[in-house]
C-alpha atoms as a PDB file:
ATOM      1  CA  MET A   1    -101.355  30.132 -24.194  1.00  0.00           C
ATOM      2  CA  LYS A   2    -100.873  30.821 -28.133  1.00  0.00           C
ATOM      3  CA  THR A   3    -101.735  33.985 -29.374  1.00  0.00           C
ATOM      4  CA  LEU A   4    -103.162  34.211 -33.096  1.00  0.00           C
ATOM      5  CA  PRO A   5    -101.313  36.127 -36.024  1.00  0.00           C
ATOM      6  CA  ARG A   6    -103.002  39.552 -36.318  1.00  0.00           C
ATOM      7  CA  GLN A   7    -105.086  39.928 -39.282  1.00  0.00           C
ATOM      8  CA  PRO A   8    -104.532  42.792 -41.567  1.00  0.00           C
ATOM      9  CA  LEU A   9    -107.473  45.657 -40.872  1.00  0.00           C
ATOM     10  CA  LEU A  10    -107.323  46.388 -44.844  1.00  0.00           C
ATOM     11  CA  PRO A  11    -107.986  43.574 -47.451  1.00  0.00           C
ATOM     12  CA  PRO A  12    -104.662  42.858 -49.910  1.00  0.00           C
ATOM     13  CA  GLN A  13    -104.251  45.409 -52.822  1.00  0.00           C
ATOM     14  CA  ASN A  14    -105.763  44.125 -55.975  1.00  0.00           C
ATOM     15  CA  THR A  15    -109.188  43.150 -53.626  1.00  0.00           C
ATOM     16  CA  ALA A  16    -109.213  46.188 -52.021  1.00  0.00           C
ATOM     17  CA  LEU A  17    -109.132  48.447 -55.739  1.00  0.00           C
ATOM     18  CA  ARG A  18    -111.559  45.692 -57.111  1.00  0.00           C
ATOM     19  CA  LEU A  19    -113.998  46.651 -53.566  1.00  0.00           C
ATOM     20  CA  GLY A  20    -113.085  50.407 -54.354  1.00  0.00           C
ATOM     21  CA  ALA A  21    -114.561  50.185 -57.549  1.00  0.00           C
ATOM     22  CA  ALA A  22    -117.243  48.491 -56.963  1.00  0.00           C
ATOM     23  CA  GLY A  23    -118.282  51.057 -54.330  1.00  0.00           C
ATOM     24  CA  PHE A  24    -117.612  53.924 -56.872  1.00  0.00           C
ATOM     25  CA  VAL A  25    -119.773  52.689 -59.776  1.00  0.00           C
ATOM     26  CA  VAL A  26    -122.439  50.362 -57.912  1.00  0.00           C
ATOM     27  CA  GLY A  27    -122.633  52.436 -55.200  1.00  0.00           C
ATOM     28  CA  PRO A  28    -123.880  55.964 -56.622  1.00  0.00           C
ATOM     29  CA  LEU A  29    -126.816  53.809 -58.540  1.00  0.00           C
ATOM     30  CA  VAL A  30    -127.816  52.269 -55.083  1.00  0.00           C
ATOM     31  CA  ASP A  31    -127.866  55.585 -53.559  1.00  0.00           C
ATOM     32  CA  SER A  32    -129.635  57.175 -56.150  1.00  0.00           C
ATOM     33  CA  LEU A  33    -132.649  54.347 -55.584  1.00  0.00           C
ATOM     34  CA  HIS A  34    -132.607  55.498 -52.252  1.00  0.00           C
ATOM     35  CA  ASN A  35    -132.985  58.924 -52.900  1.00  0.00           C
ATOM     36  CA  GLN A  36    -136.146  58.942 -55.197  1.00  0.00           C
ATOM     37  CA  CYS A  37    -138.152  60.515 -52.500  1.00  0.00           C
ATOM     38  CA  LEU A  38    -135.449  60.928 -49.205  1.00  0.00           C
ATOM     39  CA  LEU A  39    -132.949  63.064 -49.617  1.00  0.00           C
ATOM     40  CA  LYS A  40    -132.058  66.118 -52.046  1.00  0.00           C
ATOM     41  CA  TYR A  41    -127.771  66.753 -52.026  1.00  0.00           C
ATOM     42  CA  ASP A  42    -127.034  70.333 -51.833  1.00  0.00           C
ATOM     43  CA  VAL A  43    -123.258  69.536 -52.425  1.00  0.00           C
ATOM     44  CA  ALA A  44    -122.188  68.684 -55.943  1.00  0.00           C
ATOM     45  CA  PRO A  45    -125.376  67.424 -57.195  1.00  0.00           C
ATOM     46  CA  ILE A  46    -125.366  64.643 -59.954  1.00  0.00           C
ATOM     47  CA  THR A  47    -128.996  64.234 -62.266  1.00  0.00           C
ATOM     48  CA  LEU A  48    -129.736  62.202 -65.202  1.00  0.00           C
ATOM     49  CA  PRO A  49    -133.150  63.137 -66.249  1.00  0.00           C
ATOM     50  CA  SER A  50    -135.698  60.961 -67.188  1.00  0.00           C
ATOM     51  CA  SER A  51    -135.544  61.068 -71.224  1.00  0.00           C
ATOM     52  CA  LEU A  52    -139.606  60.328 -71.024  1.00  0.00           C
ATOM     53  CA  SER A  53    -140.617  63.655 -69.549  1.00  0.00           C
ATOM     54  CA  SER A  54    -139.421  66.528 -67.389  1.00  0.00           C
ATOM     55  CA  SER A  55    -142.289  66.304 -64.701  1.00  0.00           C
ATOM     56  CA  VAL A  56    -140.922  62.507 -63.779  1.00  0.00           C
ATOM     57  CA  ASP A  57    -138.233  62.140 -61.342  1.00  0.00           C
ATOM     58  CA  PRO A  58    -134.334  62.073 -62.487  1.00  0.00           C
ATOM     59  CA  LEU A  59    -133.279  58.038 -63.594  1.00  0.00           C
ATOM     60  CA  LEU A  60    -129.827  59.046 -61.276  1.00  0.00           C
ATOM     61  CA  ALA A  61    -129.862  62.086 -58.281  1.00  0.00           C
ATOM     62  CA  SER A  62    -126.898  61.767 -56.127  1.00  0.00           C
ATOM     63  CA  SER A  63    -123.631  63.929 -55.535  1.00  0.00           C
ATOM     64  CA  TRP A  64    -119.822  63.874 -56.889  1.00  0.00           C
ATOM     65  CA  VAL A  65    -119.396  63.330 -52.900  1.00  0.00           C
ATOM     66  CA  VAL A  66    -120.848  59.875 -52.642  1.00  0.00           C
ATOM     67  CA  PRO A  67    -118.555  57.863 -55.103  1.00  0.00           C
ATOM     68  CA  PRO A  68    -115.384  58.200 -53.250  1.00  0.00           C
ATOM     69  CA  LEU A  69    -117.106  57.917 -49.686  1.00  0.00           C
ATOM     70  CA  LEU A  70    -118.862  54.739 -50.733  1.00  0.00           C
ATOM     71  CA  ALA A  71    -115.374  53.243 -52.757  1.00  0.00           C
ATOM     72  CA  PHE A  72    -113.783  53.723 -48.778  1.00  0.00           C
ATOM     73  CA  ALA A  73    -116.920  52.110 -47.258  1.00  0.00           C
ATOM     74  CA  TYR A  74    -116.615  49.162 -49.100  1.00  0.00           C
ATOM     75  CA  ILE A  75    -112.900  48.626 -49.023  1.00  0.00           C
ATOM     76  CA  VAL A  76    -112.875  49.093 -44.852  1.00  0.00           C
ATOM     77  CA  LEU A  77    -116.258  47.087 -44.521  1.00  0.00           C
END
């Protein structure tokens, strides 16, 4: 019985860096869309207010913890 060669758990370094960068940049933007009405971060919040009015929800509402976590998730998944 032949055994298949074992595949590495992580992608090649160049690909992992690209995936991590995409997760670091795009992840918080997508996270902010979800957080418009669902979550409010208590740990290291990031808020980019809307220039239209102070009563309008912020354009970006996330946390400084989110970019590294999503970078790691993009690489692993």
